[in-house]
């Protein structure tokens, strides 16, 4: 007898006009809407055990606020906190989520009210979506498969002719020697068949930073969901971003049609709404590749677990602080033109300076919570930040599992988790990360142990 039940819900989470937007180390606020932001909720139940996994079209949410939101959801659903997953897709055209007290540089007083009102609205929507998904639970069977999304994700770290490493050095930059590393083009797909419909979970790792500007958009994850649902009858799709800390959409050797619907943005990153559509189409195509040929697997148990990893802090040296203070003061004063860098290099030194000042007095280490959910022999492992592709690969290789799905930006946000070689080479992610070299390898080790315990 099939024990698995699955439920699904979706709600709109569009922000008010004027709400501050995350990202880019520059002030932005919502000036309009390209498409809807949504929260999708997937409820799974096996006998008396249930869990809810939510995916929201938001860039990031701090770990402390994530805890508050998850506690509200747990209270509304009468589920234990460990059974609540809250993932953000990491779209860079979504509103800031949080209290006005925690956000610096607001452009006008009304934004304080908008932030607080949006947080209350967002929290209510999450709880409602979770309750609705649980109420929608129906008997289901589970299938899995792995598709491919070629030529839309690229390592964004490059060795330059001068020997340095740059993040996003720009399309057609003649000083590029080669990318550092490679990408994982696999799209993990879970299919839950119910009597009259199907719910699809897609998992793929790449930055949703394709649109740019100040118009609200779910970026390519939203396009991917909508394309799957248009192509397949009676199907609903939920998306979870994977290991994407060192991967984005920029093809630096773009030729001919590669640059269609794109423009070169302020930080030398090529962006465009039409390109977000293209990426969503390719990810959706990966789902369609395997949708009819999934491997069905018994989901006779549901387990969830947390494990704490202790990570060393990337505190600055005394010698580094004077320059960090100078760059940070210039940036806060709106005088970036006096910092001797441009494009992504400017973003890198500004982010690095902010990290040094933030960690000037410690702490010396951080606790990082890893989260696991297992349905039968399929496991999802949640990481509260932006893991490099190598972390995703390492976790996918865990023994004795049919399929492991790494999920970034899950239940919190604690920044970038670069591989060891990135610290030796430099680049935006390692220079801005709150963690010392070895963080990625520790996450793989602790995550593998968590999978064993599951």
Protein backbone atom coordinates (compact mmCIF):
# COMPACT_ATOMS: atom_id res chain seq x y z
CA UNK A 1 0.00 0.00 0.00
CA UNK A 2 1.34 3.45 -0.94
CA UNK A 3 2.02 5.52 2.19
CA UNK A 4 3.09 8.81 0.55
CA UNK A 5 0.80 11.83 0.36
CA UNK A 6 1.74 15.09 -1.38
CA UNK A 7 0.14 18.55 -1.38
CA UNK A 8 0.89 21.76 -3.27
CA UNK A 9 -0.04 25.43 -3.04
CA UNK A 10 1.06 28.75 -4.53
CA UNK A 11 0.44 32.34 -3.48
CA UNK A 12 1.41 35.74 -4.87
CA UNK A 13 3.99 37.72 -2.85
CA UNK A 14 4.34 40.88 -4.98
CA UNK A 15 5.69 43.85 -2.95
CA UNK A 16 4.34 47.41 -2.85
CA UNK A 17 5.93 49.95 -5.15
CA UNK A 18 8.91 51.61 -3.49
CA UNK A 19 9.97 48.58 -1.42
CA UNK A 20 13.80 48.33 -1.24
CA UNK A 21 15.43 45.61 -3.40
CA UNK A 22 18.33 43.38 -2.34
CA UNK A 23 21.68 43.17 -4.07
CA UNK A 24 24.40 45.02 -6.00
CA UNK A 25 25.68 47.14 -3.08
CA UNK A 26 23.63 50.04 -4.45
CA UNK A 27 20.21 51.37 -3.53
CA UNK A 28 17.25 50.15 -5.60
CA UNK A 29 13.54 50.05 -4.95
CA UNK A 30 10.60 48.46 -6.76
CA UNK A 31 9.53 50.70 -9.64
CA UNK A 32 7.20 48.25 -11.40
CA UNK A 33 6.50 44.59 -12.19
CA UNK A 34 7.70 42.36 -15.01
CA UNK A 35 6.05 39.21 -13.67
CA UNK A 36 4.67 37.86 -10.42
CA UNK A 37 6.73 36.87 -7.40
CA UNK A 38 5.33 33.74 -5.78
CA UNK A 39 5.80 31.33 -2.92
CA UNK A 40 5.27 27.66 -3.74
CA UNK A 41 4.76 25.08 -1.00
CA UNK A 42 5.23 21.31 -1.25
CA UNK A 43 3.82 19.26 1.62
CA UNK A 44 4.86 15.62 2.05
CA UNK A 45 3.31 13.18 4.49
CA UNK A 46 4.06 9.54 5.27
CA UNK A 47 1.60 8.15 7.81
CA UNK A 48 1.84 10.45 10.87
CA UNK A 49 4.99 12.33 9.79
CA UNK A 50 4.72 15.48 7.66
CA UNK A 51 6.99 18.24 6.40
CA UNK A 52 6.54 21.37 4.29
CA UNK A 53 9.13 22.76 1.87
CA UNK A 54 8.53 26.31 0.66
CA UNK A 55 10.29 28.10 -2.19
CA UNK A 56 9.91 31.89 -2.36
CA UNK A 57 10.92 34.30 -5.13
CA UNK A 58 13.15 36.36 -2.83
CA UNK A 59 16.90 37.06 -3.08
CA UNK A 60 17.83 36.15 0.49
CA UNK A 61 16.62 36.33 4.08
CA UNK A 62 18.91 36.52 7.11
CA UNK A 63 19.15 33.45 9.31
CA UNK A 64 17.54 35.21 12.29
CA UNK A 65 14.53 36.32 10.24
CA UNK A 66 14.29 32.88 8.63
CA UNK A 67 13.99 31.41 12.10
CA UNK A 68 11.20 33.83 12.97
CA UNK A 69 9.35 33.00 9.74
CA UNK A 70 9.78 29.24 10.20
CA UNK A 71 8.52 29.49 13.77
CA UNK A 72 5.39 31.28 12.52
CA UNK A 73 4.86 28.56 9.90
CA UNK A 74 5.41 25.81 12.48
CA UNK A 75 2.84 27.41 14.77
CA UNK A 76 0.29 27.68 11.95
CA UNK A 77 0.78 24.09 10.81
CA UNK A 78 1.39 22.38 14.18
CA UNK A 79 4.55 20.85 12.73
CA UNK A 80 7.95 20.73 14.44
CA UNK A 81 10.41 23.43 13.39
CA UNK A 82 12.71 20.81 11.84
CA UNK A 83 9.90 19.88 9.42
CA UNK A 84 9.76 23.40 7.95
CA UNK A 85 12.05 24.26 5.03
CA UNK A 86 12.10 27.80 3.65
CA UNK A 87 14.15 28.32 0.50
CA UNK A 88 14.68 31.52 -1.49
CA UNK A 89 15.35 31.23 -5.22
CA UNK A 90 17.86 34.13 -5.06
CA UNK A 91 16.30 36.33 -7.71
CA UNK A 92 18.06 39.70 -7.64
CA UNK A 93 14.90 41.60 -8.62
CA UNK A 94 12.89 40.90 -5.48
CA UNK A 95 12.25 43.01 -2.37
CA UNK A 96 14.23 43.25 0.80
CA UNK A 97 12.61 41.10 3.49
CA UNK A 98 13.11 42.35 7.02
CA UNK A 99 12.60 45.07 9.55
CA UNK A 100 13.45 48.66 8.68
CA UNK A 101 15.64 48.66 11.79
CA UNK A 102 18.00 46.18 10.10
CA UNK A 103 18.35 47.97 6.76
CA UNK A 104 20.78 50.84 6.20
CA UNK A 105 20.63 53.48 3.51
CA UNK A 106 16.88 53.81 3.04
CA UNK A 107 16.17 56.47 0.45
CA UNK A 108 13.03 57.96 1.98
CA UNK A 109 11.09 57.54 5.27
CA UNK A 110 8.14 55.79 3.63
CA UNK A 111 10.40 52.80 2.93
CA UNK A 112 10.51 52.01 6.66
CA UNK A 113 6.75 51.52 6.65
CA UNK A 114 6.90 49.51 3.41
CA UNK A 115 9.55 47.17 4.81
CA UNK A 116 7.64 46.47 8.00
CA UNK A 117 4.32 46.07 6.20
CA UNK A 118 5.82 43.76 3.58
CA UNK A 119 7.43 41.57 6.22
CA UNK A 120 4.10 41.06 7.97
CA UNK A 121 2.39 40.32 4.64
CA UNK A 122 5.16 37.93 3.56
CA UNK A 123 5.09 36.02 6.86
CA UNK A 124 1.32 35.58 6.59
CA UNK A 125 1.57 34.38 2.99
CA UNK A 126 4.18 31.77 3.89
CA UNK A 127 2.08 30.40 6.73
CA UNK A 128 -1.04 30.36 4.54
CA UNK A 129 0.79 28.54 1.74
CA UNK A 130 2.04 25.88 4.16
CA UNK A 131 -1.42 25.32 5.64
CA UNK A 132 -2.96 25.11 2.16
CA UNK A 133 -0.35 22.60 0.96
CA UNK A 134 -0.97 20.34 3.93
CA UNK A 135 -4.72 20.53 3.37
CA UNK A 136 -4.14 19.56 -0.27
CA UNK A 137 -2.31 16.31 0.58
CA UNK A 138 -3.41 13.36 -1.55
CA UNK A 139 -2.02 9.89 -2.19
CA UNK A 140 0.95 10.02 -4.56
CA UNK A 141 3.73 7.94 -6.05
CA UNK A 142 7.24 9.34 -6.48
CA UNK A 143 9.53 9.18 -9.50
CA UNK A 144 12.95 10.67 -10.12
CA UNK A 145 15.23 11.44 -13.06
CA UNK A 146 18.11 13.72 -14.05
CA UNK A 147 17.94 15.99 -17.10
CA UNK A 148 20.51 18.32 -18.66
CA UNK A 149 20.43 22.11 -19.13
CA UNK A 150 23.34 22.82 -21.49
CA UNK A 151 25.07 26.10 -22.24
CA UNK A 152 23.18 28.40 -19.87
CA UNK A 153 25.37 28.30 -16.75
CA UNK A 154 29.02 29.29 -16.59
CA UNK A 155 31.71 29.51 -13.94
CA UNK A 156 32.01 33.23 -13.24
CA UNK A 157 35.63 33.17 -12.04
CA UNK A 158 38.38 33.60 -14.63
CA UNK A 159 42.16 33.59 -14.80
CA UNK A 160 43.34 36.79 -16.49
CA UNK A 161 46.48 37.36 -18.54
CA UNK A 162 48.07 39.30 -15.67
CA UNK A 163 47.73 36.20 -13.46
CA UNK A 164 44.92 37.62 -11.33
CA UNK A 165 41.49 36.07 -10.84
CA UNK A 166 38.40 38.14 -11.65
CA UNK A 167 34.73 37.45 -11.11
CA UNK A 168 32.55 38.42 -14.09
CA UNK A 169 35.30 40.11 -16.15
CA UNK A 170 32.86 41.02 -18.93
CA UNK A 171 31.71 39.58 -22.25
CA UNK A 172 34.46 39.63 -24.86
CA UNK A 173 37.19 40.74 -22.45
CA UNK A 174 40.46 40.10 -24.37
CA UNK A 175 42.43 39.68 -21.13
CA UNK A 176 40.63 36.44 -20.16
CA UNK A 177 42.78 33.31 -20.27
CA UNK A 178 40.32 30.63 -19.10
CA UNK A 179 37.54 29.88 -16.59
CA UNK A 180 38.48 28.36 -13.25
CA UNK A 181 36.46 25.19 -12.82
CA UNK A 182 33.45 23.82 -14.63
CA UNK A 183 29.71 23.73 -14.13
CA UNK A 184 27.16 21.07 -13.22
CA UNK A 185 24.46 21.08 -15.90
CA UNK A 186 22.35 18.36 -14.24
CA UNK A 187 18.74 19.17 -13.41
CA UNK A 188 17.36 16.91 -10.68
CA UNK A 189 13.68 16.15 -11.13
CA UNK A 190 11.20 14.63 -8.69
CA UNK A 191 7.74 13.76 -9.98
CA UNK A 192 4.79 13.16 -7.66
CA UNK A 193 1.83 11.59 -9.42
CA UNK A 194 -1.57 12.04 -7.80
CA UNK A 195 -4.93 10.78 -9.06
CA UNK A 196 -5.75 13.79 -11.23
CA UNK A 197 -2.54 15.81 -11.38
CA UNK A 198 1.22 15.84 -10.93
CA UNK A 199 3.61 17.97 -8.88
CA UNK A 200 7.17 18.40 -10.22
CA UNK A 201 10.16 19.49 -8.14
CA UNK A 202 13.11 20.82 -10.19
CA UNK A 203 16.58 21.45 -8.74
CA UNK A 204 19.36 23.24 -10.66
CA UNK A 205 22.18 25.52 -9.56
CA UNK A 206 22.76 28.94 -11.15
CA UNK A 207 22.48 32.58 -10.06
CA UNK A 208 19.12 34.20 -10.96
CA UNK A 209 20.76 37.56 -11.63
CA UNK A 210 19.71 37.76 -15.26
CA UNK A 211 17.23 40.65 -15.35
CA UNK A 212 18.78 43.58 -13.49
CA UNK A 213 17.16 46.96 -12.94
CA UNK A 214 14.38 47.90 -10.55
CA UNK A 215 11.37 46.06 -11.96
CA UNK A 216 10.23 43.14 -9.83
CA UNK A 217 10.70 39.69 -11.42
CA UNK A 218 11.11 36.05 -10.42
CA UNK A 219 13.87 35.85 -13.07
CA UNK A 220 14.47 32.55 -14.86
CA UNK A 221 13.16 30.25 -12.06
CA UNK A 222 9.74 31.83 -12.56
CA UNK A 223 9.96 31.34 -16.33
CA UNK A 224 11.00 27.69 -15.79
CA UNK A 225 8.01 26.96 -13.56
CA UNK A 226 5.56 28.61 -15.95
CA UNK A 227 7.02 26.88 -19.01
CA UNK A 228 6.78 23.42 -17.40
CA UNK A 229 3.16 24.07 -16.46
CA UNK A 230 2.26 25.32 -19.96
CA UNK A 231 3.91 22.34 -21.63
CA UNK A 232 2.39 19.62 -19.44
CA UNK A 233 -1.29 19.19 -18.63
CA UNK A 234 -2.36 19.18 -14.97
CA UNK A 235 1.17 19.78 -13.67
CA UNK A 236 2.39 22.17 -10.99
CA UNK A 237 6.09 22.96 -10.63
CA UNK A 238 8.18 24.04 -7.64
CA UNK A 239 11.83 25.05 -8.04
CA UNK A 240 14.77 24.79 -5.61
CA UNK A 241 18.08 26.43 -6.53
CA UNK A 242 21.17 24.29 -6.01
CA UNK A 243 24.89 24.89 -5.59
CA UNK A 244 25.32 28.19 -7.44
CA UNK A 245 27.81 30.30 -5.50
CA UNK A 246 30.39 30.40 -8.32
CA UNK A 247 28.03 30.04 -11.30
CA UNK A 248 25.93 32.50 -13.29
CA UNK A 249 24.47 33.05 -16.75
CA UNK A 250 27.27 35.08 -18.37
CA UNK A 251 28.90 33.52 -21.43
CA UNK A 252 32.04 35.61 -21.80
CA UNK A 253 32.77 34.30 -25.31
CA UNK A 254 29.24 35.08 -26.55
CA UNK A 255 28.87 35.25 -30.33
CA UNK A 256 26.05 36.09 -32.73
CA UNK A 257 22.71 35.12 -31.17
CA UNK A 258 24.18 34.48 -27.71
CA UNK A 259 23.81 38.17 -26.92
CA UNK A 260 20.18 38.48 -28.05
CA UNK A 261 17.94 40.36 -25.58
CA UNK A 262 20.91 41.39 -23.42
CA UNK A 263 22.71 44.60 -22.48
CA UNK A 264 25.93 45.31 -20.62
CA UNK A 265 24.98 46.45 -17.12
CA UNK A 266 26.76 48.79 -14.69
CA UNK A 267 29.00 46.00 -13.28
CA UNK A 268 30.09 44.56 -16.67
CA UNK A 269 27.51 41.77 -16.34
CA UNK A 270 25.37 41.15 -19.43
CA UNK A 271 21.69 40.99 -18.44
CA UNK A 272 18.26 40.98 -20.04
CA UNK A 273 14.68 39.89 -19.39
CA UNK A 274 14.60 37.97 -22.67
CA UNK A 275 17.64 36.00 -21.57
CA UNK A 276 15.87 35.06 -18.34
CA UNK A 277 13.09 33.63 -20.51
CA UNK A 278 15.69 31.66 -22.52
CA UNK A 279 17.22 30.19 -19.37
CA UNK A 280 13.82 29.26 -17.99
CA UNK A 281 13.00 27.52 -21.26
CA UNK A 282 16.20 25.47 -21.15
CA UNK A 283 15.66 24.38 -17.53
CA UNK A 284 12.05 23.50 -18.35
CA UNK A 285 13.28 21.52 -21.37
CA UNK A 286 15.50 19.49 -19.03
CA UNK A 287 12.38 18.58 -17.05
CA UNK A 288 10.53 17.66 -20.25
CA UNK A 289 13.47 15.48 -21.36
CA UNK A 290 12.86 13.06 -18.50
CA UNK A 291 9.27 13.67 -17.37
CA UNK A 292 7.82 10.59 -19.06
CA UNK A 293 10.76 8.33 -18.23
CA UNK A 294 11.22 8.80 -14.50
CA UNK A 295 12.28 5.94 -12.25
CA UNK A 296 9.53 5.26 -9.72
CA UNK A 297 10.71 4.61 -6.19
CA UNK A 298 8.90 3.69 -3.01
CA UNK A 299 8.65 6.53 -0.49
CA UNK A 300 7.70 4.50 2.56
CA UNK A 301 9.34 6.78 5.13
CA UNK A 302 9.91 10.49 5.79
CA UNK A 303 12.81 11.65 7.95
CA UNK A 304 14.22 15.08 8.68
CA UNK A 305 17.32 16.09 10.62
CA UNK A 306 19.63 19.02 11.39
CA UNK A 307 23.37 19.01 11.99
CA UNK A 308 25.61 21.85 13.21
CA UNK A 309 28.99 22.55 11.62
CA UNK A 310 31.48 24.92 13.29
CA UNK A 311 33.31 27.15 10.82
CA UNK A 312 36.32 29.43 11.33
CA UNK A 313 35.69 33.16 10.81
CA UNK A 314 37.48 35.13 8.07
CA UNK A 315 38.55 37.93 10.39
CA UNK A 316 40.81 40.68 8.99
CA UNK A 317 44.35 41.44 10.06
CA UNK A 318 45.20 44.78 11.64
CA UNK A 319 47.14 45.71 8.50
CA UNK A 320 44.07 45.23 6.29
CA UNK A 321 41.72 47.47 8.24
CA UNK A 322 42.86 51.02 7.28
CA UNK A 323 42.25 50.48 3.56
CA UNK A 324 38.99 48.67 4.32
CA UNK A 325 37.78 51.65 6.34
CA UNK A 326 38.75 54.02 3.53
CA UNK A 327 36.91 52.07 0.82
CA UNK A 328 33.86 51.54 2.99
CA UNK A 329 33.64 55.24 3.90
CA UNK A 330 33.92 56.27 0.24
CA UNK A 331 31.22 53.77 -0.75
CA UNK A 332 28.85 54.84 2.04
CA UNK A 333 29.34 58.47 0.97
CA UNK A 334 28.41 57.66 -2.63
CA UNK A 335 31.97 58.31 -3.85
CA UNK A 336 32.69 55.00 -5.61
CA UNK A 337 34.40 56.94 -8.42
CA UNK A 338 37.26 57.62 -5.97
CA UNK A 339 37.88 53.90 -5.44
CA UNK A 340 40.47 52.83 -8.07
CA UNK A 341 38.45 49.94 -9.54
CA UNK A 342 35.56 49.52 -11.96
CA UNK A 343 32.79 47.01 -12.68
CA UNK A 344 32.89 43.77 -10.73
CA UNK A 345 36.32 44.59 -9.31
CA UNK A 346 34.76 47.61 -7.62
CA UNK A 347 31.97 45.43 -6.21
CA UNK A 348 34.62 42.99 -4.96
CA UNK A 349 36.69 45.51 -2.99
CA UNK A 350 33.54 47.13 -1.54
CA UNK A 351 32.20 43.75 -0.42
CA UNK A 352 35.62 42.76 0.95
CA UNK A 353 35.86 45.98 2.96
CA UNK A 354 32.38 45.42 4.39
CA UNK A 355 33.34 41.88 5.41
CA UNK A 356 36.49 43.08 7.18
CA UNK A 357 34.67 45.77 9.16
CA UNK A 358 31.83 43.40 10.00
CA UNK A 359 34.28 40.85 11.43
CA UNK A 360 36.81 43.29 12.94
CA UNK A 361 35.94 42.16 16.47
CA UNK A 362 34.94 38.60 15.67
CA UNK A 363 33.40 36.20 16.23
CA UNK A 364 36.22 33.71 15.76
CA UNK A 365 33.82 31.02 14.53
CA UNK A 366 30.27 30.47 13.34
CA UNK A 367 27.74 27.71 13.80
CA UNK A 368 26.20 26.62 10.49
CA UNK A 369 23.04 24.50 10.48
CA UNK A 370 22.67 21.94 7.71
CA UNK A 371 19.23 20.47 7.03
CA UNK A 372 18.22 17.12 5.61
CA UNK A 373 14.91 15.65 4.43
CA UNK A 374 14.65 12.09 3.13
CA UNK A 375 11.75 10.51 1.27
CA UNK A 376 12.57 6.84 1.08
CA UNK A 377 16.00 6.74 -0.55
CA UNK A 378 15.82 10.27 -2.03
CA UNK A 379 17.46 13.01 0.04
CA UNK A 380 17.46 16.81 -0.07
CA UNK A 381 20.15 18.63 1.87
CA UNK A 382 19.69 22.32 2.68
CA UNK A 383 22.54 24.79 3.09
CA UNK A 384 21.89 28.33 4.46
CA UNK A 385 23.84 30.31 1.89
CA UNK A 386 25.56 30.09 -1.47
CA UNK A 387 27.59 26.89 -1.88
CA UNK A 388 30.10 26.53 -4.71
CA UNK A 389 29.45 23.91 -7.38
CA UNK A 390 32.08 21.65 -5.82
CA UNK A 391 29.95 21.33 -2.68
CA UNK A 392 26.97 20.22 -4.75
CA UNK A 393 29.07 17.66 -6.58
CA UNK A 394 30.54 16.34 -3.33
CA UNK A 395 27.14 15.87 -1.72
CA UNK A 396 25.64 14.25 -4.82
CA UNK A 397 28.34 11.57 -4.57
CA UNK A 398 27.20 10.40 -1.12
CA UNK A 399 27.02 6.61 -1.05
CA UNK A 400 23.88 4.50 -0.71
CA UNK A 401 21.41 7.16 -1.89
CA UNK A 402 19.39 6.91 -5.08
CA UNK A 403 19.53 10.68 -5.54
CA UNK A 404 20.77 13.63 -3.46
CA UNK A 405 19.45 17.12 -4.22
CA UNK A 406 21.59 19.97 -2.79
CA UNK A 407 19.51 23.08 -1.99
CA UNK A 408 21.18 26.44 -1.35
CA UNK A 409 19.71 29.45 0.49
CA UNK A 410 17.73 27.13 2.74
CA UNK A 411 16.52 28.22 6.21
CA UNK A 412 18.90 31.17 6.35
CA UNK A 413 21.58 33.16 4.62
CA UNK A 414 25.20 33.12 5.79
CA UNK A 415 26.97 34.18 2.61
CA UNK A 416 29.31 32.38 0.22
CA UNK A 417 30.95 28.99 0.80
CA UNK A 418 33.94 28.86 -1.61
CA UNK A 419 36.24 25.90 -2.25
CA UNK A 420 39.83 26.00 -0.89
CA UNK A 421 41.43 26.91 -4.21
CA UNK A 422 39.21 30.00 -4.49
CA UNK A 423 40.90 31.47 -1.41
CA UNK A 424 44.33 30.97 -2.98
CA UNK A 425 43.19 32.50 -6.27
CA UNK A 426 41.04 35.39 -5.04
CA UNK A 427 37.84 36.71 -6.55
CA UNK A 428 34.61 38.23 -5.25
CA UNK A 429 33.21 35.23 -3.39
CA UNK A 430 36.27 34.26 -1.33
CA UNK A 431 37.24 37.87 -0.58
CA UNK A 432 33.74 38.69 0.69
CA UNK A 433 33.05 35.39 2.49
CA UNK A 434 32.70 35.41 6.27
CA UNK A 435 34.53 32.05 6.47
CA UNK A 436 38.14 30.93 6.34
CA UNK A 437 39.48 28.57 3.70
CA UNK A 438 38.19 25.03 4.26
CA UNK A 439 34.53 25.98 4.70
CA UNK A 440 33.37 24.11 1.58
CA UNK A 441 35.24 20.96 2.43
CA UNK A 442 33.79 21.08 5.96
CA UNK A 443 30.26 21.40 4.58
CA UNK A 444 30.81 18.37 2.33
CA UNK A 445 32.12 16.36 5.28
CA UNK A 446 29.36 17.42 7.68
CA UNK A 447 26.69 17.10 5.00
CA UNK A 448 27.83 13.58 4.15
CA UNK A 449 27.64 12.68 7.84
CA UNK A 450 24.15 14.17 8.01
CA UNK A 451 23.11 11.98 5.08
CA UNK A 452 24.50 8.94 6.90
CA UNK A 453 22.48 9.83 9.99
CA UNK A 454 19.34 10.20 7.86
